[in-house]
N, C-alpha and C. Protein backbone atom coordinates (compact mmCIF):
# COMPACT_ATOMS: atom_id res chain seq x y z
N MET A 1 26.21 -7.24 22.52
CA MET A 1 25.13 -7.87 22.39
C MET A 1 23.88 -6.84 22.29
N ASP A 2 23.99 -5.79 23.07
CA ASP A 2 22.95 -4.82 23.01
C ASP A 2 22.84 -4.10 21.73
N TYR A 3 23.92 -3.97 21.15
CA TYR A 3 23.92 -3.26 19.85
C TYR A 3 23.27 -4.14 18.70
N VAL A 4 23.32 -5.30 18.82
CA VAL A 4 22.73 -6.29 17.91
C VAL A 4 21.18 -6.18 18.05
N ILE A 5 20.76 -6.10 19.31
CA ILE A 5 19.35 -6.07 19.48
C ILE A 5 18.77 -4.80 19.02
N VAL A 6 19.47 -3.65 19.22
CA VAL A 6 19.10 -2.39 18.76
C VAL A 6 19.01 -2.34 17.26
N LEU A 7 19.96 -2.86 16.60
CA LEU A 7 20.04 -3.04 15.18
C LEU A 7 18.94 -3.88 14.56
N VAL A 8 18.64 -4.90 15.25
CA VAL A 8 17.55 -5.84 14.77
C VAL A 8 16.18 -4.99 14.87
N VAL A 9 15.95 -4.29 15.98
CA VAL A 9 14.71 -3.66 16.17
C VAL A 9 14.62 -2.58 15.15
N ILE A 10 15.62 -1.76 14.95
CA ILE A 10 15.63 -0.69 14.02
C ILE A 10 15.38 -1.20 12.57
N GLY A 11 16.23 -2.22 12.15
CA GLY A 11 16.25 -2.74 10.92
C GLY A 11 14.72 -3.32 10.49
N THR A 12 14.24 -4.11 11.48
CA THR A 12 12.91 -4.75 11.20
C THR A 12 11.83 -3.63 11.16
N SER A 13 12.03 -2.57 11.99
CA SER A 13 11.06 -1.38 11.94
C SER A 13 10.92 -0.76 10.57
N PHE A 14 12.32 -0.53 9.99
CA PHE A 14 12.36 0.04 8.62
C PHE A 14 11.70 -1.03 7.69
N TRP A 15 12.01 -2.26 7.77
CA TRP A 15 11.46 -3.21 6.78
C TRP A 15 10.01 -3.18 6.92
N VAL A 16 9.41 -3.13 8.15
CA VAL A 16 7.91 -2.97 8.19
C VAL A 16 7.38 -1.66 7.49
N LEU A 17 7.98 -0.56 7.64
CA LEU A 17 7.66 0.59 6.97
C LEU A 17 7.61 0.50 5.54
N PHE A 18 8.61 0.00 4.94
CA PHE A 18 8.81 -0.23 3.49
C PHE A 18 7.87 -1.29 2.93
N ASP A 19 7.68 -2.32 3.69
CA ASP A 19 6.80 -3.34 3.30
C ASP A 19 5.35 -2.98 3.39
N ALA A 20 4.92 -2.20 4.39
CA ALA A 20 3.61 -1.72 4.49
C ALA A 20 3.36 -0.79 3.40
N LYS A 21 4.19 0.06 2.92
CA LYS A 21 4.02 1.00 1.93
C LYS A 21 3.95 0.12 0.52
N SER A 22 4.63 -0.86 0.40
CA SER A 22 4.72 -1.64 -0.85
C SER A 22 3.39 -2.35 -1.01
N ILE A 23 2.86 -2.87 0.05
CA ILE A 23 1.60 -3.68 -0.18
C ILE A 23 0.39 -2.83 0.03
N GLY A 24 0.51 -1.55 0.24
CA GLY A 24 -0.62 -0.64 0.22
C GLY A 24 -1.42 -0.49 1.48
N VAL A 25 -0.74 -0.70 2.69
CA VAL A 25 -1.36 -0.65 3.89
C VAL A 25 -1.92 0.81 4.09
N LYS A 26 -3.15 0.89 4.61
CA LYS A 26 -3.64 2.30 4.90
C LYS A 26 -4.57 2.11 6.22
N LYS A 27 -4.65 3.23 6.88
CA LYS A 27 -5.41 3.30 7.94
C LYS A 27 -6.97 3.14 7.62
N GLY A 28 -7.63 2.31 8.34
CA GLY A 28 -8.99 2.18 8.08
C GLY A 28 -9.39 0.94 7.25
N GLN A 29 -8.29 0.20 6.94
CA GLN A 29 -8.51 -1.08 6.08
C GLN A 29 -9.11 -2.24 6.89
N ILE A 30 -8.62 -2.34 8.21
CA ILE A 30 -9.08 -3.40 9.07
C ILE A 30 -9.47 -2.77 10.38
N LYS A 31 -10.17 -3.42 11.14
CA LYS A 31 -10.72 -2.94 12.40
C LYS A 31 -9.77 -3.50 13.56
N GLY A 32 -9.78 -2.78 14.61
CA GLY A 32 -9.10 -3.18 15.83
C GLY A 32 -7.70 -2.49 16.04
N ILE A 33 -7.07 -2.99 16.74
CA ILE A 33 -5.67 -2.44 17.28
C ILE A 33 -4.73 -2.39 16.04
N ALA A 34 -4.84 -3.13 15.00
CA ALA A 34 -3.96 -3.06 13.85
C ALA A 34 -4.31 -2.08 12.74
N ASN A 35 -5.22 -1.11 13.10
CA ASN A 35 -5.73 -0.26 12.23
C ASN A 35 -4.74 0.91 12.04
N MET A 36 -3.73 0.77 11.32
CA MET A 36 -2.65 1.81 11.26
C MET A 36 -2.17 1.97 9.82
N GLY A 37 -1.51 3.00 9.52
CA GLY A 37 -0.84 3.05 8.30
C GLY A 37 0.61 2.71 8.43
N PRO A 38 1.40 2.80 7.40
CA PRO A 38 2.78 2.44 7.47
C PRO A 38 3.66 3.02 8.47
N TRP A 39 3.36 4.42 8.67
CA TRP A 39 4.22 5.19 9.69
C TRP A 39 3.69 4.65 11.12
N GLY A 40 2.52 4.45 11.32
CA GLY A 40 1.99 3.87 12.65
C GLY A 40 2.59 2.58 12.97
N TRP A 41 2.75 1.72 11.94
CA TRP A 41 3.39 0.37 12.22
C TRP A 41 4.90 0.53 12.49
N PHE A 42 5.55 1.55 11.75
CA PHE A 42 6.95 1.89 12.05
C PHE A 42 7.19 2.22 13.44
N PHE A 43 6.36 3.11 14.03
CA PHE A 43 6.56 3.56 15.33
C PHE A 43 6.27 2.45 16.35
N VAL A 44 5.20 1.82 16.09
CA VAL A 44 4.88 0.70 17.05
C VAL A 44 5.94 -0.36 17.07
N CYS A 45 6.51 -0.70 16.00
CA CYS A 45 7.51 -1.68 15.89
C CYS A 45 8.89 -1.08 16.54
N LEU A 46 9.01 0.16 16.36
CA LEU A 46 10.32 0.70 16.79
C LEU A 46 10.31 0.87 18.45
N PHE A 47 9.13 1.32 19.04
CA PHE A 47 9.07 1.41 20.38
C PHE A 47 8.47 0.19 21.18
N LEU A 48 7.64 -0.49 20.55
CA LEU A 48 6.98 -1.70 21.21
C LEU A 48 7.26 -2.83 20.36
N TRP A 49 8.51 -3.18 20.00
CA TRP A 49 8.81 -4.16 19.03
C TRP A 49 8.32 -5.61 19.26
N ILE A 50 8.41 -6.02 20.57
CA ILE A 50 8.06 -7.36 21.12
C ILE A 50 6.59 -7.67 20.77
N ILE A 51 5.76 -6.45 20.78
CA ILE A 51 4.29 -6.69 20.55
C ILE A 51 3.98 -6.33 19.03
N GLY A 52 4.54 -5.21 18.57
CA GLY A 52 4.12 -4.69 17.30
C GLY A 52 4.61 -5.56 16.14
N PHE A 53 5.78 -5.89 16.11
CA PHE A 53 6.36 -6.76 15.01
C PHE A 53 5.61 -8.12 14.78
N PRO A 54 5.37 -8.86 15.83
CA PRO A 54 4.50 -10.03 15.52
C PRO A 54 3.09 -9.82 15.18
N ILE A 55 2.51 -8.68 15.62
CA ILE A 55 1.14 -8.33 15.25
C ILE A 55 1.17 -8.07 13.76
N TYR A 56 2.15 -7.20 13.37
CA TYR A 56 2.27 -6.79 11.94
C TYR A 56 2.42 -8.17 11.13
N LEU A 57 3.30 -9.09 11.48
CA LEU A 57 3.45 -10.23 10.78
C LEU A 57 2.15 -11.03 10.59
N ALA A 58 1.40 -11.10 11.68
CA ALA A 58 0.09 -11.79 11.69
C ALA A 58 -0.94 -11.19 10.78
N LYS A 59 -0.92 -9.77 10.73
CA LYS A 59 -1.93 -9.08 9.94
C LYS A 59 -1.51 -8.79 8.53
N ARG A 60 -0.25 -9.14 8.22
CA ARG A 60 0.36 -8.86 6.99
C ARG A 60 -0.47 -9.51 5.74
N GLY A 61 -0.74 -10.71 5.98
CA GLY A 61 -1.58 -11.46 5.02
C GLY A 61 -2.91 -10.88 4.67
N GLU A 62 -3.52 -10.38 5.82
CA GLU A 62 -4.82 -9.79 5.65
C GLU A 62 -4.80 -8.47 4.95
N PHE A 63 -3.81 -7.65 5.09
CA PHE A 63 -3.55 -6.45 4.34
C PHE A 63 -3.29 -6.72 2.91
N LYS A 64 -2.48 -7.78 2.63
CA LYS A 64 -2.20 -8.19 1.22
C LYS A 64 -3.45 -8.70 0.52
N ARG A 65 -4.24 -9.34 1.23
CA ARG A 65 -5.45 -10.00 0.70
C ARG A 65 -6.38 -8.70 0.32
N ILE A 66 -6.67 -7.89 1.29
CA ILE A 66 -7.45 -6.74 1.04
C ILE A 66 -7.02 -5.88 -0.17
N ASN A 67 -5.69 -5.70 -0.23
CA ASN A 67 -5.12 -4.74 -1.28
C ASN A 67 -5.08 -5.53 -2.59
N SER A 68 -4.96 -6.80 -2.69
CA SER A 68 -5.00 -7.41 -3.95
C SER A 68 -6.41 -7.47 -4.43
N SER A 69 -7.43 -7.74 -3.51
CA SER A 69 -8.77 -7.81 -4.01
C SER A 69 -9.27 -6.41 -4.57
N GLN A 70 -8.76 -5.33 -3.91
CA GLN A 70 -9.16 -3.98 -4.34
C GLN A 70 -8.58 -3.71 -5.62
N LEU A 71 -7.31 -4.11 -5.95
CA LEU A 71 -6.68 -3.91 -7.24
C LEU A 71 -7.35 -4.70 -8.28
N SER A 72 -7.75 -5.97 -8.00
CA SER A 72 -8.44 -6.72 -9.05
C SER A 72 -9.76 -6.21 -9.43
N GLU A 73 -10.47 -5.62 -8.33
CA GLU A 73 -11.76 -5.00 -8.54
C GLU A 73 -11.49 -3.71 -9.57
N ILE A 74 -10.46 -2.93 -9.29
CA ILE A 74 -10.25 -1.72 -10.07
C ILE A 74 -9.76 -2.21 -11.41
N GLY A 75 -8.89 -3.23 -11.50
CA GLY A 75 -8.20 -3.60 -12.62
C GLY A 75 -9.11 -4.00 -13.83
N ASN A 76 -10.15 -4.78 -13.65
CA ASN A 76 -10.92 -5.32 -14.78
C ASN A 76 -11.46 -4.17 -15.61
N ASP A 77 -12.37 -3.37 -14.98
CA ASP A 77 -13.16 -2.33 -15.57
C ASP A 77 -12.17 -1.15 -16.01
N SER A 78 -11.35 -0.79 -15.04
CA SER A 78 -10.56 0.39 -15.29
C SER A 78 -9.48 0.19 -16.39
N LEU A 79 -9.01 -1.08 -16.55
CA LEU A 79 -8.04 -1.37 -17.54
C LEU A 79 -8.66 -1.20 -18.79
N SER A 80 -9.86 -1.62 -19.15
CA SER A 80 -10.40 -1.36 -20.48
C SER A 80 -10.63 0.05 -20.76
N LYS A 81 -11.14 0.80 -19.75
CA LYS A 81 -11.29 2.15 -19.90
C LYS A 81 -10.02 2.94 -20.17
N LEU A 82 -9.04 2.51 -19.52
CA LEU A 82 -7.61 3.17 -19.63
C LEU A 82 -7.10 2.83 -21.06
N GLU A 83 -7.26 1.65 -21.52
CA GLU A 83 -6.90 1.33 -22.92
C GLU A 83 -7.58 2.18 -23.91
N LYS A 84 -8.95 2.33 -23.72
CA LYS A 84 -9.69 3.26 -24.63
C LYS A 84 -9.19 4.68 -24.62
N LEU A 85 -8.91 5.19 -23.41
CA LEU A 85 -8.45 6.60 -23.22
C LEU A 85 -6.99 6.65 -23.98
N ALA A 86 -6.17 5.64 -23.76
CA ALA A 86 -4.78 5.65 -24.47
C ALA A 86 -4.96 5.72 -26.01
N GLU A 87 -5.96 4.83 -26.40
CA GLU A 87 -6.13 4.82 -27.95
C GLU A 87 -6.71 6.25 -28.46
N MET A 88 -7.58 6.79 -27.70
CA MET A 88 -8.06 8.19 -28.00
C MET A 88 -7.04 9.22 -27.99
N LYS A 89 -5.97 9.07 -27.04
CA LYS A 89 -4.86 9.94 -26.98
C LYS A 89 -3.99 9.81 -28.30
N ASP A 90 -3.78 8.55 -28.60
CA ASP A 90 -2.77 8.11 -29.72
C ASP A 90 -3.46 8.65 -31.05
N LYS A 91 -4.78 8.75 -31.07
CA LYS A 91 -5.41 9.08 -32.32
C LYS A 91 -5.60 10.63 -32.32
N GLY A 92 -5.28 11.28 -31.28
CA GLY A 92 -5.43 12.81 -31.25
C GLY A 92 -6.74 13.31 -30.84
N ILE A 93 -7.56 12.36 -30.38
CA ILE A 93 -8.98 12.79 -30.05
C ILE A 93 -9.00 13.65 -28.68
N ILE A 94 -8.08 13.19 -27.77
CA ILE A 94 -7.87 13.96 -26.46
C ILE A 94 -6.42 14.28 -26.33
N THR A 95 -6.13 15.30 -25.53
CA THR A 95 -4.74 15.74 -25.32
C THR A 95 -4.20 14.94 -24.14
N GLU A 96 -2.75 15.12 -24.07
CA GLU A 96 -2.13 14.43 -22.98
C GLU A 96 -2.66 14.91 -21.59
N GLU A 97 -3.07 16.15 -21.55
CA GLU A 97 -3.46 16.76 -20.21
C GLU A 97 -4.79 16.02 -19.85
N GLU A 98 -5.81 15.86 -20.93
CA GLU A 98 -6.98 15.24 -20.63
C GLU A 98 -6.90 13.78 -20.33
N PHE A 99 -5.94 13.16 -20.97
CA PHE A 99 -5.57 11.79 -20.77
C PHE A 99 -5.15 11.56 -19.27
N SER A 100 -4.23 12.49 -18.80
CA SER A 100 -3.76 12.39 -17.49
C SER A 100 -4.88 12.50 -16.45
N THR A 101 -5.72 13.52 -16.58
CA THR A 101 -6.81 13.85 -15.71
C THR A 101 -7.72 12.63 -15.53
N GLN A 102 -8.04 12.11 -16.82
CA GLN A 102 -8.98 10.87 -16.85
C GLN A 102 -8.36 9.72 -16.18
N LYS A 103 -7.01 9.50 -16.48
CA LYS A 103 -6.39 8.37 -15.84
C LYS A 103 -6.37 8.48 -14.32
N GLN A 104 -6.09 9.55 -13.77
CA GLN A 104 -5.99 9.79 -12.35
C GLN A 104 -7.35 9.54 -11.73
N ALA A 105 -8.49 9.97 -12.46
CA ALA A 105 -9.77 9.77 -11.95
C ALA A 105 -10.19 8.22 -12.01
N LEU A 106 -9.73 7.58 -12.94
CA LEU A 106 -10.01 6.04 -12.99
C LEU A 106 -9.24 5.40 -11.92
N LEU A 107 -8.04 5.80 -11.51
CA LEU A 107 -7.14 5.04 -10.63
C LEU A 107 -7.54 5.32 -9.14
N LYS A 108 -8.37 6.24 -8.93
CA LYS A 108 -8.71 6.57 -7.55
C LYS A 108 -9.84 5.76 -7.09
């Protein structure tokens, strides 16, 4: 029975790590005790599972909301600029290297 508990704690801790990375969790997005990045959440869930895992589940929706609103803010204006850059690259106006540099600047 002890092995099952250990496996559940380790498994859910890794799930939290991968989930936090996939939804874009970063330190500084929210205030308070839940202000951690993916690796912080992993270690809290691994060592203080009974506290960390429920807090992560409670804050997960807030992280998703924050990151989806940031993506939509970036998306509208940057998408049109990115399309123009791609068109300029296709026409040979700018090089692949210039396109990559400008693309990275837009996505930051």
